Amino acid sequence: MKLHVDRTTANTVTAWGEGEIRVREQVIRNSVILTAERIIHPWSGRSATTLSRDDLAPVLALEPTLIVLGTGQHLMFPDAALHADILARGIGLEVMDTPAACRTYNILVHEGRSVAAALIIDETLSPATAH
């Protein structure tokens, strides 16, 4: 899916499709961490159900007030203890499928929020034309 035209300099998701997202003009085909200023990829996150503290260390190091976790094409939840650990640090966590996470992340960036998106991209899917 092609999203709206973005005239800011912030890293926002401009399109997504199976097996890839586009951040501005950059095509990314692996899991990634985004903030308005940074792109960290490849990211080790492969599945929400197997995420560990080590997987989340790079996003936690950015000290966002909110993490938007995109779990791939389907909604899956991380381990409850991991979720509790993030909340205990005073960081919010919103979990949704990756397409919804991309849209939510863009909105929060445009609002000027301190947000990081941790987006799981299924590398086994063949990239399709962005929807």
Protein backbone atom coordinates (compact mmCIF):
# COMPACT_ATOMS: atom_id res chain seq x y z
CA MET A 1 0.00 0.00 0.00
CA LYS A 2 1.34 3.39 -0.94
CA LEU A 3 0.95 5.88 1.88
CA HIS A 4 0.54 9.67 1.67
CA VAL A 5 3.18 12.02 0.27
CA ASP A 6 5.68 12.97 2.96
CA ARG A 7 7.44 16.31 2.69
CA THR A 8 9.30 16.09 6.01
CA THR A 9 12.88 14.98 6.50
CA ALA A 10 11.85 12.38 9.11
CA ASN A 11 12.17 8.68 8.39
CA THR A 12 8.65 7.63 7.57
CA VAL A 13 7.29 4.56 5.82
CA THR A 14 6.17 5.55 2.34
CA ALA A 15 4.94 2.11 1.20
CA TRP A 16 4.71 -1.50 2.28
CA GLY A 17 4.22 -4.83 0.60
CA GLU A 18 4.78 -8.49 1.37
CA GLY A 19 8.41 -8.91 2.37
CA GLU A 20 9.41 -5.25 2.24
CA ILE A 21 8.78 -1.70 3.35
CA ARG A 22 9.99 1.57 1.91
CA VAL A 23 11.36 4.30 4.11
CA ARG A 24 11.36 7.40 1.98
CA GLU A 25 13.04 5.98 -1.17
CA GLN A 26 14.97 3.16 0.55
CA VAL A 27 13.61 -0.38 0.08
CA ILE A 28 14.11 -2.53 3.20
CA ARG A 29 13.61 -6.29 2.99
CA ASN A 30 14.57 -7.30 6.53
CA SER A 31 13.44 -6.49 10.04
CA VAL A 32 14.25 -2.92 10.99
CA ILE A 33 14.12 -0.35 13.78
CA LEU A 34 13.04 3.16 12.81
CA THR A 35 12.97 6.50 14.51
CA ALA A 36 12.43 9.87 12.89
CA GLU A 37 16.24 10.24 12.70
CA ARG A 38 17.62 6.68 12.50
CA ILE A 39 17.28 3.46 10.52
CA ILE A 40 18.81 0.38 12.15
CA HIS A 41 18.87 -2.70 9.95
CA PRO A 42 19.10 -5.50 9.68
CA TRP A 43 17.49 -5.99 13.08
CA SER A 44 17.58 -9.42 14.74
CA GLY A 45 13.81 -9.56 15.41
CA ARG A 46 12.30 -12.43 13.41
CA SER A 47 9.14 -13.35 15.33
CA ALA A 48 7.23 -11.65 18.12
CA THR A 49 6.87 -14.96 19.95
CA THR A 50 10.65 -15.45 20.14
CA LEU A 51 11.77 -11.88 20.83
CA SER A 52 14.35 -11.60 23.61
CA ARG A 53 15.80 -8.77 25.66
CA ASP A 54 18.87 -8.95 23.41
CA ASP A 55 16.67 -8.43 20.34
CA LEU A 56 15.10 -5.36 21.92
CA ALA A 57 18.34 -3.88 23.30
CA PRO A 58 18.97 -1.66 20.23
CA VAL A 59 15.50 -0.12 20.38
CA LEU A 60 15.62 0.31 24.17
CA ALA A 61 19.00 2.06 23.83
CA LEU A 62 17.25 4.78 21.79
CA GLU A 63 15.16 5.62 24.89
CA PRO A 64 11.85 6.27 23.14
CA THR A 65 8.75 6.96 25.19
CA LEU A 66 6.84 4.49 22.99
CA ILE A 67 7.76 1.44 20.94
CA VAL A 68 5.46 0.37 18.13
CA LEU A 69 6.13 -3.33 17.51
CA GLY A 70 5.08 -4.61 14.10
CA THR A 71 4.81 -8.39 14.28
CA GLY A 72 4.71 -9.21 10.56
CA GLN A 73 1.66 -9.90 8.42
CA HIS A 74 -0.26 -11.23 11.45
CA LEU A 75 -0.70 -9.96 14.97
CA MET A 76 1.33 -11.95 17.51
CA PHE A 77 2.30 -11.02 21.04
CA PRO A 78 5.72 -11.14 22.67
CA ASP A 79 6.31 -12.94 25.95
CA ALA A 80 4.41 -11.26 28.80
CA ALA A 81 7.59 -10.96 30.90
CA LEU A 82 9.32 -9.10 28.07
CA HIS A 83 6.35 -6.77 27.73
CA ALA A 84 6.40 -6.15 31.51
CA ASP A 85 10.15 -5.42 31.40
CA ILE A 86 9.61 -2.72 28.78
CA LEU A 87 6.76 -1.16 30.76
CA ALA A 88 8.87 -1.22 33.95
CA ARG A 89 11.38 1.01 32.14
CA GLY A 90 8.66 3.61 31.65
CA ILE A 91 8.40 2.89 27.92
CA GLY A 92 5.04 2.21 26.32
CA LEU A 93 4.61 -0.75 23.96
CA GLU A 94 1.96 -1.04 21.26
CA VAL A 95 1.81 -4.36 19.42
CA MET A 96 0.14 -4.72 16.01
CA ASP A 97 0.73 -6.26 12.60
CA THR A 98 3.48 -4.56 10.60
CA PRO A 99 1.22 -2.70 8.13
CA ALA A 100 -0.75 -1.16 11.03
CA ALA A 101 2.50 -0.43 12.88
CA CYS A 102 3.82 1.48 9.85
CA ARG A 103 0.71 3.66 9.72
CA THR A 104 0.71 4.27 13.48
CA TYR A 105 4.44 5.06 13.53
CA ASN A 106 4.02 7.63 10.73
CA ILE A 107 1.21 9.39 12.59
CA LEU A 108 3.21 9.52 15.83
CA VAL A 109 6.33 10.84 14.05
CA HIS A 110 4.25 13.58 12.44
CA GLU A 111 2.92 14.46 15.90
CA GLY A 112 6.52 14.89 17.08
CA ARG A 113 6.34 11.98 19.53
CA SER A 114 9.45 10.15 20.76
CA VAL A 115 8.58 6.87 19.06
CA ALA A 116 10.57 3.94 17.72
CA ALA A 117 9.14 1.31 15.40
CA ALA A 118 10.50 -2.23 15.63
CA LEU A 119 9.17 -3.81 12.46
CA ILE A 120 9.38 -7.52 11.73
CA ILE A 121 9.63 -8.16 8.00
CA ASP A 122 9.14 -11.75 6.85
CA GLU A 123 12.19 -12.25 4.66
CA THR A 124 10.75 -15.47 3.21
CA LEU A 125 7.98 -13.61 1.40
CA SER A 126 8.76 -12.56 -2.12
CA PRO A 127 8.60 -8.79 -2.44
CA ALA A 128 5.46 -7.72 -4.22
CA THR A 129 4.64 -4.40 -5.74
CA ALA A 130 3.79 -2.08 -2.87
CA HIS A 131 0.06 -2.06 -2.21
